[in-house]
Amino acid sequence: MIKVVFFDFVGTLLSKESEAVTHLKIMEEVLKNANAEISTKQLLEEYEHLTKEEFSKLAGKPYKPIRIIEIEITERLAKKYNFEVPEDFWQIHLKMHQLYGKLYPEVVETLKELRKRGYHVGLITDSDNDYLRAHLEALGIFDLFDSITTSEEAGFFKPHPKVFETALKKAGVKGEEAVYVGDNPLKDCVGARQVDMISILLDKTGEKRELWGECEFIISDLKEVLDIVSEI
């Protein structure tokens, strides 16, 4: 019997489209008073490439503060293109996420309905604690979670089992009593299955079809989770 529904955050609840806007705004702020040798759009493209590369390397590894990773990457680009990284870079980062982050349309309805039906609703995400709390409060959904587990708290990045084990311990359930909903087959589905959770992949456009085999259920809308957990 399923008692707990866990969710990933970015790309699962937080829309990828709004993340793209947020990161563009961060780069605009970084270059606002700089005479840089690169455009905002070009800087964003390099920033996105480098962060994706770095987080791929860190998958399953011991936790490193995301704020440090982001600052180090921006400093590399600053050195390359001759501009100064603002001293308040992380505060800018947090503020832009608070201002421009948006949920997928069905998120609030789905979370509220799950809680109404008596499920424990949890969040498991690769995140720094301060970033996540600031973001959830700005989005107005902090109080919709019964538990929140971050990679900072667990000491590892997904798909390391410690992240998922920490969340299960908080919820007081065994793996087979929980499902995990995420948008990354290799980090979310693989990580969940390691601790016997049922894995649900959110793939809104079908772009991850080649990796569907890593996951037990594939959905394109979060509301489909309601049917899945009631039928298991």
C-alpha atoms as a PDB file:
ATOM      1  CA  MET A   1       0.000   0.000   0.000  1.00  0.00           C
ATOM      2  CA  ILE A   2       1.356   3.398  -0.975  1.00  0.00           C
ATOM      3  CA  LYS A   3       1.545   5.855   1.911  1.00  0.00           C
ATOM      4  CA  VAL A   4       3.996   8.460   0.611  1.00  0.00           C
ATOM      5  CA  VAL A   5       4.395  10.391  -2.633  1.00  0.00           C
ATOM      6  CA  PHE A   6       7.767  12.074  -3.075  1.00  0.00           C
ATOM      7  CA  PHE A   7       8.549  14.647  -5.766  1.00  0.00           C
ATOM      8  CA  ASP A   8      11.660  16.090  -7.350  1.00  0.00           C
ATOM      9  CA  PHE A   9      11.632  19.896  -7.670  1.00  0.00           C
ATOM     10  CA  VAL A  10      13.238  21.481 -10.762  1.00  0.00           C
ATOM     11  CA  GLY A  11      11.684  20.143 -13.966  1.00  0.00           C
ATOM     12  CA  THR A  12       9.035  18.233 -12.038  1.00  0.00           C
ATOM     13  CA  LEU A  13       7.229  20.919 -10.043  1.00  0.00           C
ATOM     14  CA  LEU A  14       9.201  23.976 -11.149  1.00  0.00           C
ATOM     15  CA  SER A  15       8.862  24.496 -14.886  1.00  0.00           C
ATOM     16  CA  LYS A  16      11.969  24.259 -17.043  1.00  0.00           C
ATOM     17  CA  GLU A  17      10.731  27.199 -19.067  1.00  0.00           C
ATOM     18  CA  SER A  18      10.755  29.456 -16.019  1.00  0.00           C
ATOM     19  CA  GLU A  19      14.225  28.190 -15.087  1.00  0.00           C
ATOM     20  CA  ALA A  20      15.487  29.316 -18.487  1.00  0.00           C
ATOM     21  CA  VAL A  21      14.028  32.782 -17.917  1.00  0.00           C
ATOM     22  CA  THR A  22      15.465  32.911 -14.396  1.00  0.00           C
ATOM     23  CA  HIS A  23      18.971  32.023 -15.550  1.00  0.00           C
ATOM     24  CA  LEU A  24      18.794  34.653 -18.294  1.00  0.00           C
ATOM     25  CA  LYS A  25      17.832  37.262 -15.703  1.00  0.00           C
ATOM     26  CA  ILE A  26      20.757  36.181 -13.507  1.00  0.00           C
ATOM     27  CA  MET A  27      23.164  36.664 -16.402  1.00  0.00           C
ATOM     28  CA  GLU A  28      21.640  40.082 -17.161  1.00  0.00           C
ATOM     29  CA  GLU A  29      22.275  41.132 -13.571  1.00  0.00           C
ATOM     30  CA  VAL A  30      25.828  39.786 -13.673  1.00  0.00           C
ATOM     31  CA  LEU A  31      26.638  41.823 -16.791  1.00  0.00           C
ATOM     32  CA  LYS A  32      24.555  44.888 -15.899  1.00  0.00           C
ATOM     33  CA  ASN A  33      27.478  47.120 -14.974  1.00  0.00           C
ATOM     34  CA  ALA A  34      30.192  45.244 -16.827  1.00  0.00           C
ATOM     35  CA  ASN A  35      31.985  46.021 -20.050  1.00  0.00           C
ATOM     36  CA  ALA A  36      32.181  42.336 -20.902  1.00  0.00           C
ATOM     37  CA  GLU A  37      33.478  40.710 -24.068  1.00  0.00           C
ATOM     38  CA  ILE A  38      30.381  38.513 -24.367  1.00  0.00           C
ATOM     39  CA  SER A  39      26.633  39.013 -24.799  1.00  0.00           C
ATOM     40  CA  THR A  40      24.083  37.957 -22.197  1.00  0.00           C
ATOM     41  CA  LYS A  41      22.734  35.249 -24.485  1.00  0.00           C
ATOM     42  CA  GLN A  42      26.198  33.831 -25.164  1.00  0.00           C
ATOM     43  CA  LEU A  43      27.066  33.936 -21.483  1.00  0.00           C
ATOM     44  CA  LEU A  44      23.883  32.055 -20.635  1.00  0.00           C
ATOM     45  CA  GLU A  45      24.654  29.358 -23.205  1.00  0.00           C
ATOM     46  CA  GLU A  46      28.133  28.771 -21.783  1.00  0.00           C
ATOM     47  CA  TYR A  47      26.874  28.920 -18.205  1.00  0.00           C
ATOM     48  CA  GLU A  48      24.160  26.333 -18.941  1.00  0.00           C
ATOM     49  CA  HIS A  49      26.642  24.051 -20.703  1.00  0.00           C
ATOM     50  CA  LEU A  50      29.172  24.201 -17.873  1.00  0.00           C
ATOM     51  CA  THR A  51      26.629  23.715 -15.081  1.00  0.00           C
ATOM     52  CA  LYS A  52      25.044  20.737 -16.858  1.00  0.00           C
ATOM     53  CA  GLU A  53      28.490  19.212 -17.342  1.00  0.00           C
ATOM     54  CA  GLU A  54      29.461  19.770 -13.699  1.00  0.00           C
ATOM     55  CA  PHE A  55      26.247  18.359 -12.234  1.00  0.00           C
ATOM     56  CA  SER A  56      26.564  15.289 -14.464  1.00  0.00           C
ATOM     57  CA  LYS A  57      30.014  14.661 -12.998  1.00  0.00           C
ATOM     58  CA  LEU A  58      28.672  15.065  -9.454  1.00  0.00           C
ATOM     59  CA  ALA A  59      25.725  12.661  -9.828  1.00  0.00           C
ATOM     60  CA  GLY A  60      25.807  10.174  -6.958  1.00  0.00           C
ATOM     61  CA  LYS A  61      28.876  11.842  -5.444  1.00  0.00           C
ATOM     62  CA  PRO A  62      29.345  13.535  -2.035  1.00  0.00           C
ATOM     63  CA  TYR A  63      27.504  16.826  -1.754  1.00  0.00           C
ATOM     64  CA  LYS A  64      29.185  20.074  -2.741  1.00  0.00           C
ATOM     65  CA  PRO A  65      27.251  23.306  -2.077  1.00  0.00           C
ATOM     66  CA  ILE A  66      25.472  24.343  -5.251  1.00  0.00           C
ATOM     67  CA  ARG A  67      26.145  28.000  -4.472  1.00  0.00           C
ATOM     68  CA  ILE A  68      29.883  27.208  -4.597  1.00  0.00           C
ATOM     69  CA  ILE A  69      29.521  25.346  -7.894  1.00  0.00           C
ATOM     70  CA  GLU A  70      27.541  28.211  -9.443  1.00  0.00           C
ATOM     71  CA  ILE A  71      30.006  30.845  -8.221  1.00  0.00           C
ATOM     72  CA  GLU A  72      33.037  28.891  -9.430  1.00  0.00           C
ATOM     73  CA  ILE A  73      31.540  28.466 -12.904  1.00  0.00           C
ATOM     74  CA  THR A  74      30.623  32.153 -13.123  1.00  0.00           C
ATOM     75  CA  GLU A  75      34.140  33.118 -11.999  1.00  0.00           C
ATOM     76  CA  ARG A  76      35.619  30.929 -14.760  1.00  0.00           C
ATOM     77  CA  LEU A  77      33.477  32.737 -17.314  1.00  0.00           C
ATOM     78  CA  ALA A  78      34.320  36.120 -15.791  1.00  0.00           C
ATOM     79  CA  LYS A  79      38.020  35.421 -16.179  1.00  0.00           C
ATOM     80  CA  LYS A  80      37.514  34.245 -19.751  1.00  0.00           C
ATOM     81  CA  TYR A  81      35.421  37.241 -20.819  1.00  0.00           C
ATOM     82  CA  ASN A  82      36.907  39.951 -18.645  1.00  0.00           C
ATOM     83  CA  PHE A  83      34.156  40.933 -16.223  1.00  0.00           C
ATOM     84  CA  GLU A  84      33.744  41.002 -12.443  1.00  0.00           C
ATOM     85  CA  VAL A  85      31.400  38.651 -10.610  1.00  0.00           C
ATOM     86  CA  PRO A  86      29.156  40.715  -8.309  1.00  0.00           C
ATOM     87  CA  GLU A  87      29.943  40.239  -4.618  1.00  0.00           C
ATOM     88  CA  ASP A  88      26.261  39.522  -4.004  1.00  0.00           C
ATOM     89  CA  PHE A  89      26.029  36.912  -6.778  1.00  0.00           C
ATOM     90  CA  TRP A  90      24.270  34.312  -4.621  1.00  0.00           C
ATOM     91  CA  GLN A  91      21.749  36.876  -3.361  1.00  0.00           C
ATOM     92  CA  ILE A  92      21.063  37.818  -7.002  1.00  0.00           C
ATOM     93  CA  HIS A  93      20.667  34.123  -7.779  1.00  0.00           C
ATOM     94  CA  LEU A  94      18.104  33.659  -4.998  1.00  0.00           C
ATOM     95  CA  LYS A  95      16.214  36.844  -5.849  1.00  0.00           C
ATOM     96  CA  MET A  96      15.856  35.998  -9.553  1.00  0.00           C
ATOM     97  CA  HIS A  97      14.551  32.536  -8.701  1.00  0.00           C
ATOM     98  CA  GLN A  98      12.029  34.066  -6.314  1.00  0.00           C
ATOM     99  CA  LEU A  99      10.898  36.591  -8.929  1.00  0.00           C
ATOM    100  CA  TYR A 100      10.736  34.433 -12.050  1.00  0.00           C
ATOM    101  CA  GLY A 101      10.252  30.843 -10.922  1.00  0.00           C
ATOM    102  CA  LYS A 102       6.900  29.318 -11.926  1.00  0.00           C
ATOM    103  CA  LEU A 103       5.242  25.985 -11.228  1.00  0.00           C
ATOM    104  CA  TYR A 104       3.659  23.773 -13.832  1.00  0.00           C
ATOM    105  CA  PRO A 105      -0.085  24.580 -13.870  1.00  0.00           C
ATOM    106  CA  GLU A 106      -1.253  21.319 -12.267  1.00  0.00           C
ATOM    107  CA  VAL A 107       1.197  21.303  -9.329  1.00  0.00           C
ATOM    108  CA  VAL A 108      -0.813  22.936  -6.537  1.00  0.00           C
ATOM    109  CA  GLU A 109      -3.989  21.026  -7.361  1.00  0.00           C
ATOM    110  CA  THR A 110      -2.113  17.716  -7.391  1.00  0.00           C
ATOM    111  CA  LEU A 111      -0.273  18.314  -4.102  1.00  0.00           C
ATOM    112  CA  LYS A 112      -3.437  19.430  -2.321  1.00  0.00           C
ATOM    113  CA  GLU A 113      -5.442  16.467  -3.611  1.00  0.00           C
ATOM    114  CA  LEU A 114      -2.789  13.991  -2.477  1.00  0.00           C
ATOM    115  CA  ARG A 115      -2.798  15.463   1.015  1.00  0.00           C
ATOM    116  CA  LYS A 116      -6.592  15.482   1.024  1.00  0.00           C
ATOM    117  CA  ARG A 117      -6.528  11.754   0.289  1.00  0.00           C
ATOM    118  CA  GLY A 118      -4.235  11.182   3.254  1.00  0.00           C
ATOM    119  CA  TYR A 119      -0.881  10.676   1.563  1.00  0.00           C
ATOM    120  CA  HIS A 120       2.338  11.990   3.061  1.00  0.00           C
ATOM    121  CA  VAL A 121       3.695  14.411   0.433  1.00  0.00           C
ATOM    122  CA  GLY A 122       7.456  14.867   0.376  1.00  0.00           C
ATOM    123  CA  LEU A 123      10.170  16.573  -1.623  1.00  0.00           C
ATOM    124  CA  ILE A 124      13.543  15.009  -2.494  1.00  0.00           C
ATOM    125  CA  THR A 125      15.853  17.256  -4.462  1.00  0.00           C
ATOM    126  CA  ASP A 126      19.447  18.159  -5.216  1.00  0.00           C
ATOM    127  CA  SER A 127      19.530  21.577  -3.601  1.00  0.00           C
ATOM    128  CA  ASP A 128      21.057  23.865  -1.026  1.00  0.00           C
ATOM    129  CA  ASN A 129      18.697  24.368   1.892  1.00  0.00           C
ATOM    130  CA  ASP A 130      18.585  28.178   1.666  1.00  0.00           C
ATOM    131  CA  TYR A 131      17.849  28.153  -2.072  1.00  0.00           C
ATOM    132  CA  LEU A 132      15.058  25.620  -1.728  1.00  0.00           C
ATOM    133  CA  ARG A 133      13.309  27.260   1.202  1.00  0.00           C
ATOM    134  CA  ALA A 134      13.436  30.716  -0.399  1.00  0.00           C
ATOM    135  CA  HIS A 135      12.063  29.295  -3.630  1.00  0.00           C
ATOM    136  CA  LEU A 136       9.265  27.252  -2.066  1.00  0.00           C
ATOM    137  CA  GLU A 137       8.128  30.172   0.075  1.00  0.00           C
ATOM    138  CA  ALA A 138       8.102  32.511  -2.946  1.00  0.00           C
ATOM    139  CA  LEU A 139       6.016  29.971  -4.863  1.00  0.00           C
ATOM    140  CA  GLY A 140       3.633  29.588  -1.910  1.00  0.00           C
ATOM    141  CA  ILE A 141       4.012  25.812  -1.603  1.00  0.00           C
ATOM    142  CA  PHE A 142       6.383  25.374   1.343  1.00  0.00           C
ATOM    143  CA  ASP A 143       3.521  24.326   3.628  1.00  0.00           C
ATOM    144  CA  LEU A 144       2.215  21.738   1.164  1.00  0.00           C
ATOM    145  CA  PHE A 145       5.016  19.303   2.042  1.00  0.00           C
ATOM    146  CA  ASP A 146       5.062  16.981   5.028  1.00  0.00           C
ATOM    147  CA  SER A 147       8.807  16.438   4.615  1.00  0.00           C
ATOM    148  CA  ILE A 148      11.640  17.968   2.615  1.00  0.00           C
ATOM    149  CA  THR A 149      14.974  16.260   1.951  1.00  0.00           C
ATOM    150  CA  THR A 150      17.872  17.946   0.167  1.00  0.00           C
ATOM    151  CA  SER A 151      21.222  16.702  -1.048  1.00  0.00           C
ATOM    152  CA  GLU A 152      22.781  19.161   1.393  1.00  0.00           C
ATOM    153  CA  GLU A 153      21.075  17.387   4.290  1.00  0.00           C
ATOM    154  CA  ALA A 154      21.810  13.869   3.013  1.00  0.00           C
ATOM    155  CA  GLY A 155      25.422  14.648   2.126  1.00  0.00           C
ATOM    156  CA  PHE A 156      25.186  13.200  -1.397  1.00  0.00           C
ATOM    157  CA  PHE A 157      23.702  14.033  -4.774  1.00  0.00           C
ATOM    158  CA  LYS A 158      21.076  11.818  -6.391  1.00  0.00           C
ATOM    159  CA  PRO A 159      21.016   8.978  -7.367  1.00  0.00           C
ATOM    160  CA  HIS A 160      23.013   8.023  -4.254  1.00  0.00           C
ATOM    161  CA  PRO A 161      20.703   5.876  -2.073  1.00  0.00           C
ATOM    162  CA  LYS A 162      21.473   7.949   1.044  1.00  0.00           C
ATOM    163  CA  VAL A 163      19.314  10.782  -0.305  1.00  0.00           C
ATOM    164  CA  PHE A 164      16.294   8.520  -0.697  1.00  0.00           C
ATOM    165  CA  GLU A 165      16.947   6.616   2.543  1.00  0.00           C
ATOM    166  CA  THR A 166      17.005   9.902   4.453  1.00  0.00           C
ATOM    167  CA  ALA A 167      13.606  10.826   3.012  1.00  0.00           C
ATOM    168  CA  LEU A 168      12.102   7.425   3.816  1.00  0.00           C
ATOM    169  CA  LYS A 169      13.331   7.644   7.397  1.00  0.00           C
ATOM    170  CA  LYS A 170      11.695  11.061   7.803  1.00  0.00           C
ATOM    171  CA  ALA A 171       8.399   9.740   6.467  1.00  0.00           C
ATOM    172  CA  GLY A 172       8.629   6.607   8.606  1.00  0.00           C
ATOM    173  CA  VAL A 173       7.975   4.179   5.753  1.00  0.00           C
ATOM    174  CA  LYS A 174       9.685   1.432   3.768  1.00  0.00           C
ATOM    175  CA  GLY A 175      10.650   1.936   0.143  1.00  0.00           C
ATOM    176  CA  GLU A 176       7.805  -0.225  -1.179  1.00  0.00           C
ATOM    177  CA  GLU A 177       5.324   2.099   0.535  1.00  0.00           C
ATOM    178  CA  ALA A 178       6.453   5.131  -1.472  1.00  0.00           C
ATOM    179  CA  VAL A 179       6.579   6.460  -5.012  1.00  0.00           C
ATOM    180  CA  TYR A 180       8.983   9.030  -6.385  1.00  0.00           C
ATOM    181  CA  VAL A 181       8.101  11.397  -9.206  1.00  0.00           C
ATOM    182  CA  GLY A 182      10.955  13.010 -11.120  1.00  0.00           C
ATOM    183  CA  ASP A 183      11.993  14.169 -14.578  1.00  0.00           C
ATOM    184  CA  ASN A 184      15.446  12.561 -14.804  1.00  0.00           C
ATOM    185  CA  PRO A 185      15.442   8.817 -15.576  1.00  0.00           C
ATOM    186  CA  LEU A 186      19.051   8.228 -14.530  1.00  0.00           C
ATOM    187  CA  LYS A 187      18.983  10.216 -11.298  1.00  0.00           C
ATOM    188  CA  ASP A 188      15.353   9.992 -10.198  1.00  0.00           C
ATOM    189  CA  CYS A 189      14.125   6.620 -11.428  1.00  0.00           C
ATOM    190  CA  VAL A 190      17.391   4.781 -10.825  1.00  0.00           C
ATOM    191  CA  GLY A 191      17.796   6.352  -7.379  1.00  0.00           C
ATOM    192  CA  ALA A 192      14.248   5.536  -6.314  1.00  0.00           C
ATOM    193  CA  ARG A 193      14.414   1.929  -7.478  1.00  0.00           C
ATOM    194  CA  GLN A 194      17.620   1.355  -5.492  1.00  0.00           C
ATOM    195  CA  VAL A 195      15.576   1.688  -2.286  1.00  0.00           C
ATOM    196  CA  ASP A 196      12.490  -0.148  -3.615  1.00  0.00           C
ATOM    197  CA  MET A 197      10.406   2.969  -4.301  1.00  0.00           C
ATOM    198  CA  ILE A 198       8.144   2.905  -7.334  1.00  0.00           C
ATOM    199  CA  SER A 199       9.520   5.330  -9.928  1.00  0.00           C
ATOM    200  CA  ILE A 200       7.361   7.677 -11.982  1.00  0.00           C
ATOM    201  CA  LEU A 201       8.917   9.733 -14.779  1.00  0.00           C
ATOM    202  CA  LEU A 202       7.392  13.066 -15.777  1.00  0.00           C
ATOM    203  CA  ASP A 203       8.199  13.511 -19.465  1.00  0.00           C
ATOM    204  CA  LYS A 204       5.939  16.229 -20.800  1.00  0.00           C
ATOM    205  CA  THR A 205       7.209  16.111 -24.380  1.00  0.00           C
ATOM    206  CA  GLY A 206       8.373  12.512 -24.762  1.00  0.00           C
ATOM    207  CA  GLU A 207      11.965  13.641 -25.297  1.00  0.00           C
ATOM    208  CA  LYS A 208      13.348  11.048 -22.860  1.00  0.00           C
ATOM    209  CA  ARG A 209      11.744   8.052 -24.561  1.00  0.00           C
ATOM    210  CA  GLU A 210      15.061   6.217 -24.998  1.00  0.00           C
ATOM    211  CA  LEU A 211      15.417   6.061 -21.194  1.00  0.00           C
ATOM    212  CA  TRP A 212      11.830   5.155 -20.318  1.00  0.00           C
ATOM    213  CA  GLY A 213      13.001   1.640 -19.494  1.00  0.00           C
ATOM    214  CA  GLU A 214      14.627   2.979 -16.318  1.00  0.00           C
ATOM    215  CA  CYS A 215      11.214   3.944 -14.902  1.00  0.00           C
ATOM    216  CA  GLU A 216       8.104   2.016 -13.964  1.00  0.00           C
ATOM    217  CA  PHE A 217       5.525   4.610 -14.984  1.00  0.00           C
ATOM    218  CA  ILE A 218       5.702   7.430 -17.543  1.00  0.00           C
ATOM    219  CA  ILE A 219       3.406  10.456 -17.294  1.00  0.00           C
ATOM    220  CA  SER A 220       3.034  13.754 -19.146  1.00  0.00           C
ATOM    221  CA  ASP A 221       0.912  15.530 -16.516  1.00  0.00           C
ATOM    222  CA  LEU A 222       1.372  15.405 -12.741  1.00  0.00           C
ATOM    223  CA  LYS A 223      -2.346  14.787 -12.204  1.00  0.00           C
ATOM    224  CA  GLU A 224      -1.778  11.278 -13.565  1.00  0.00           C
ATOM    225  CA  VAL A 225       0.016  10.513 -10.278  1.00  0.00           C
ATOM    226  CA  LEU A 226      -3.371  10.544  -8.537  1.00  0.00           C
ATOM    227  CA  ASP A 227      -4.607   7.619 -10.640  1.00  0.00           C
ATOM    228  CA  ILE A 228      -1.368   5.665 -10.329  1.00  0.00           C
ATOM    229  CA  VAL A 229      -1.163   5.763  -6.519  1.00  0.00           C
ATOM    230  CA  SER A 230      -4.842   4.896  -6.132  1.00  0.00           C
ATOM    231  CA  GLU A 231      -4.481   1.844  -8.398  1.00  0.00           C
ATOM    232  CA  ILE A 232      -1.260   0.404  -6.936  1.00  0.00           C
END
